[in-house]
Amino acid sequence: MAVRLTVIFFIALCLEAGVALTLLPWISPFGISDWGDNYLLVYVASKTGLPILRQAVASGWMRGAVTALGVLNLVIAFWEIANFNRAVRQLESVDKPSNGDNISRS
């Protein structure tokens, strides 16, 4: 049962990260702020003296890269869903010791 829950939690984590990484660069949730205009980014750019950092993170290329990571997470989640039983069997076989492991050596 623990192995099944492990696979289910992994799938949920991949789905959540995938959706967040795919959507957040392109929308402003709850009208808070834009992707390139957040407090942490402005703070880091001002403290490091690299204003180009803010421009790089706000660029479409960076947004596309983060979205690609999100899509990759979604692909992994759907692959794990399609191969759920195989993943459970593989994890269960890792947990079981083989016959040679129980032999004590003198």
C-alpha atoms as a PDB file:
ATOM      1  CA  MET A   1       0.000   0.000   0.000  1.00  0.00           C
ATOM      2  CA  ALA A   2       2.867   2.376   0.784  1.00  0.00           C
ATOM      3  CA  VAL A   3       4.339   1.791  -2.667  1.00  0.00           C
ATOM      4  CA  ARG A   4       1.061   2.689  -4.349  1.00  0.00           C
ATOM      5  CA  LEU A   5       0.790   5.868  -2.276  1.00  0.00           C
ATOM      6  CA  THR A   6       4.367   6.769  -3.188  1.00  0.00           C
ATOM      7  CA  VAL A   7       3.571   6.509  -6.897  1.00  0.00           C
ATOM      8  CA  ILE A   8       0.301   8.431  -6.450  1.00  0.00           C
ATOM      9  CA  PHE A   9       2.068  11.245  -4.567  1.00  0.00           C
ATOM     10  CA  PHE A  10       4.765  11.383  -7.246  1.00  0.00           C
ATOM     11  CA  ILE A  11       2.090  11.694  -9.938  1.00  0.00           C
ATOM     12  CA  ALA A  12       0.315  14.432  -7.954  1.00  0.00           C
ATOM     13  CA  LEU A  13       3.591  16.308  -7.487  1.00  0.00           C
ATOM     14  CA  CYS A  14       4.397  16.129 -11.210  1.00  0.00           C
ATOM     15  CA  LEU A  15       0.891  17.285 -12.148  1.00  0.00           C
ATOM     16  CA  GLU A  16       0.951  20.196  -9.713  1.00  0.00           C
ATOM     17  CA  ALA A  17       4.425  21.344 -10.707  1.00  0.00           C
ATOM     18  CA  GLY A  18       3.567  20.900 -14.386  1.00  0.00           C
ATOM     19  CA  VAL A  19       0.436  23.003 -14.240  1.00  0.00           C
ATOM     20  CA  ALA A  20       2.143  25.707 -12.161  1.00  0.00           C
ATOM     21  CA  LEU A  21       5.237  25.913 -14.361  1.00  0.00           C
ATOM     22  CA  THR A  22       3.165  25.892 -17.526  1.00  0.00           C
ATOM     23  CA  LEU A  23       0.684  28.604 -16.552  1.00  0.00           C
ATOM     24  CA  LEU A  24       2.370  30.958 -14.070  1.00  0.00           C
ATOM     25  CA  PRO A  25       4.862  32.563 -16.474  1.00  0.00           C
ATOM     26  CA  TRP A  26       2.015  33.692 -18.709  1.00  0.00           C
ATOM     27  CA  ILE A  27      -0.716  34.778 -16.293  1.00  0.00           C
ATOM     28  CA  SER A  28      -0.795  37.028 -13.258  1.00  0.00           C
ATOM     29  CA  PRO A  29      -2.619  34.999 -10.598  1.00  0.00           C
ATOM     30  CA  PHE A  30      -5.155  36.957  -8.570  1.00  0.00           C
ATOM     31  CA  GLY A  31      -3.958  40.147 -10.271  1.00  0.00           C
ATOM     32  CA  ILE A  32      -0.842  40.188  -8.070  1.00  0.00           C
ATOM     33  CA  SER A  33       1.978  41.007 -10.459  1.00  0.00           C
ATOM     34  CA  ASP A  34       3.544  40.114 -13.733  1.00  0.00           C
ATOM     35  CA  TRP A  35       6.209  37.404 -14.090  1.00  0.00           C
ATOM     36  CA  GLY A  36       9.040  39.886 -14.525  1.00  0.00           C
ATOM     37  CA  ASP A  37       7.750  42.396 -12.003  1.00  0.00           C
ATOM     38  CA  ASN A  38       7.795  40.502  -8.718  1.00  0.00           C
ATOM     39  CA  TYR A  39       9.271  41.725  -5.469  1.00  0.00           C
ATOM     40  CA  LEU A  40      11.909  39.008  -5.085  1.00  0.00           C
ATOM     41  CA  LEU A  41      13.252  39.507  -8.596  1.00  0.00           C
ATOM     42  CA  VAL A  42      13.421  43.297  -8.185  1.00  0.00           C
ATOM     43  CA  TYR A  43      15.163  42.862  -4.814  1.00  0.00           C
ATOM     44  CA  VAL A  44      17.758  40.407  -6.164  1.00  0.00           C
ATOM     45  CA  ALA A  45      18.416  42.562  -9.231  1.00  0.00           C
ATOM     46  CA  SER A  46      18.943  45.667  -7.098  1.00  0.00           C
ATOM     47  CA  LYS A  47      21.156  43.929  -4.514  1.00  0.00           C
ATOM     48  CA  THR A  48      23.380  42.248  -7.094  1.00  0.00           C
ATOM     49  CA  GLY A  49      23.581  45.338  -9.285  1.00  0.00           C
ATOM     50  CA  LEU A  50      22.421  43.335 -12.315  1.00  0.00           C
ATOM     51  CA  PRO A  51      19.352  45.026 -13.805  1.00  0.00           C
ATOM     52  CA  ILE A  52      19.752  42.796 -16.844  1.00  0.00           C
ATOM     53  CA  LEU A  53      18.735  39.855 -14.624  1.00  0.00           C
ATOM     54  CA  ARG A  54      15.220  41.251 -14.413  1.00  0.00           C
ATOM     55  CA  GLN A  55      15.082  41.708 -18.178  1.00  0.00           C
ATOM     56  CA  ALA A  56      16.337  38.169 -18.772  1.00  0.00           C
ATOM     57  CA  VAL A  57      13.767  36.601 -16.449  1.00  0.00           C
ATOM     58  CA  ALA A  58      10.969  38.715 -17.944  1.00  0.00           C
ATOM     59  CA  SER A  59      11.879  37.739 -21.506  1.00  0.00           C
ATOM     60  CA  GLY A  60       9.780  35.414 -23.583  1.00  0.00           C
ATOM     61  CA  TRP A  61      12.695  33.001 -23.862  1.00  0.00           C
ATOM     62  CA  MET A  62      12.805  32.429 -20.100  1.00  0.00           C
ATOM     63  CA  ARG A  63       9.049  32.114 -19.935  1.00  0.00           C
ATOM     64  CA  GLY A  64       9.221  29.539 -22.715  1.00  0.00           C
ATOM     65  CA  ALA A  65      11.947  27.584 -20.929  1.00  0.00           C
ATOM     66  CA  VAL A  66       9.937  27.473 -17.694  1.00  0.00           C
ATOM     67  CA  THR A  67       6.834  26.462 -19.644  1.00  0.00           C
ATOM     68  CA  ALA A  68       8.831  23.683 -21.327  1.00  0.00           C
ATOM     69  CA  LEU A  69       9.814  22.363 -17.891  1.00  0.00           C
ATOM     70  CA  GLY A  70       6.145  22.414 -16.946  1.00  0.00           C
ATOM     71  CA  VAL A  71       5.172  20.485 -20.049  1.00  0.00           C
ATOM     72  CA  LEU A  72       7.935  17.979 -19.298  1.00  0.00           C
ATOM     73  CA  ASN A  73       6.504  17.491 -15.802  1.00  0.00           C
ATOM     74  CA  LEU A  74       3.052  16.919 -17.280  1.00  0.00           C
ATOM     75  CA  VAL A  75       4.442  14.359 -19.740  1.00  0.00           C
ATOM     76  CA  ILE A  76       6.161  12.523 -16.876  1.00  0.00           C
ATOM     77  CA  ALA A  77       2.921  12.550 -14.850  1.00  0.00           C
ATOM     78  CA  PHE A  78       0.844  11.152 -17.703  1.00  0.00           C
ATOM     79  CA  TRP A  79       3.504   8.532 -18.462  1.00  0.00           C
ATOM     80  CA  GLU A  80       3.452   7.463 -14.801  1.00  0.00           C
ATOM     81  CA  ILE A  81      -0.350   7.275 -14.889  1.00  0.00           C
ATOM     82  CA  ALA A  82      -0.232   5.085 -18.009  1.00  0.00           C
ATOM     83  CA  ASN A  83       2.436   2.826 -16.444  1.00  0.00           C
ATOM     84  CA  PHE A  84       1.143   2.879 -12.873  1.00  0.00           C
ATOM     85  CA  ASN A  85       1.121  -0.879 -12.318  1.00  0.00           C
ATOM     86  CA  ARG A  86       4.595  -1.302 -13.781  1.00  0.00           C
ATOM     87  CA  ALA A  87       5.999   1.415 -11.508  1.00  0.00           C
ATOM     88  CA  VAL A  88       4.397  -0.206  -8.465  1.00  0.00           C
ATOM     89  CA  ARG A  89       5.845  -3.616  -9.390  1.00  0.00           C
ATOM     90  CA  GLN A  90       9.303  -2.140  -9.887  1.00  0.00           C
ATOM     91  CA  LEU A  91       9.245  -0.368  -6.527  1.00  0.00           C
ATOM     92  CA  GLU A  92       7.963  -3.487  -4.787  1.00  0.00           C
ATOM     93  CA  SER A  93      10.773  -5.557  -6.277  1.00  0.00           C
ATOM     94  CA  VAL A  94      13.323  -3.074  -4.937  1.00  0.00           C
ATOM     95  CA  ASP A  95      11.884  -3.412  -1.414  1.00  0.00           C
ATOM     96  CA  LYS A  96      12.062  -7.221  -1.354  1.00  0.00           C
ATOM     97  CA  PRO A  97      15.483  -8.683  -0.501  1.00  0.00           C
ATOM     98  CA  SER A  98      16.784 -11.383  -2.796  1.00  0.00           C
ATOM     99  CA  ASN A  99      17.695 -14.843  -1.447  1.00  0.00           C
ATOM    100  CA  GLY A 100      21.424 -14.103  -1.549  1.00  0.00           C
ATOM    101  CA  ASP A 101      21.017 -11.105   0.765  1.00  0.00           C
ATOM    102  CA  ASN A 102      19.921 -13.244   3.735  1.00  0.00           C
ATOM    103  CA  ILE A 103      23.115 -15.319   3.857  1.00  0.00           C
ATOM    104  CA  SER A 104      25.383 -14.288   6.701  1.00  0.00           C
ATOM    105  CA  ARG A 105      29.059 -14.190   5.891  1.00  0.00           C
ATOM    106  CA  SER A 106      31.688 -15.280   8.382  1.00  0.00           C
END
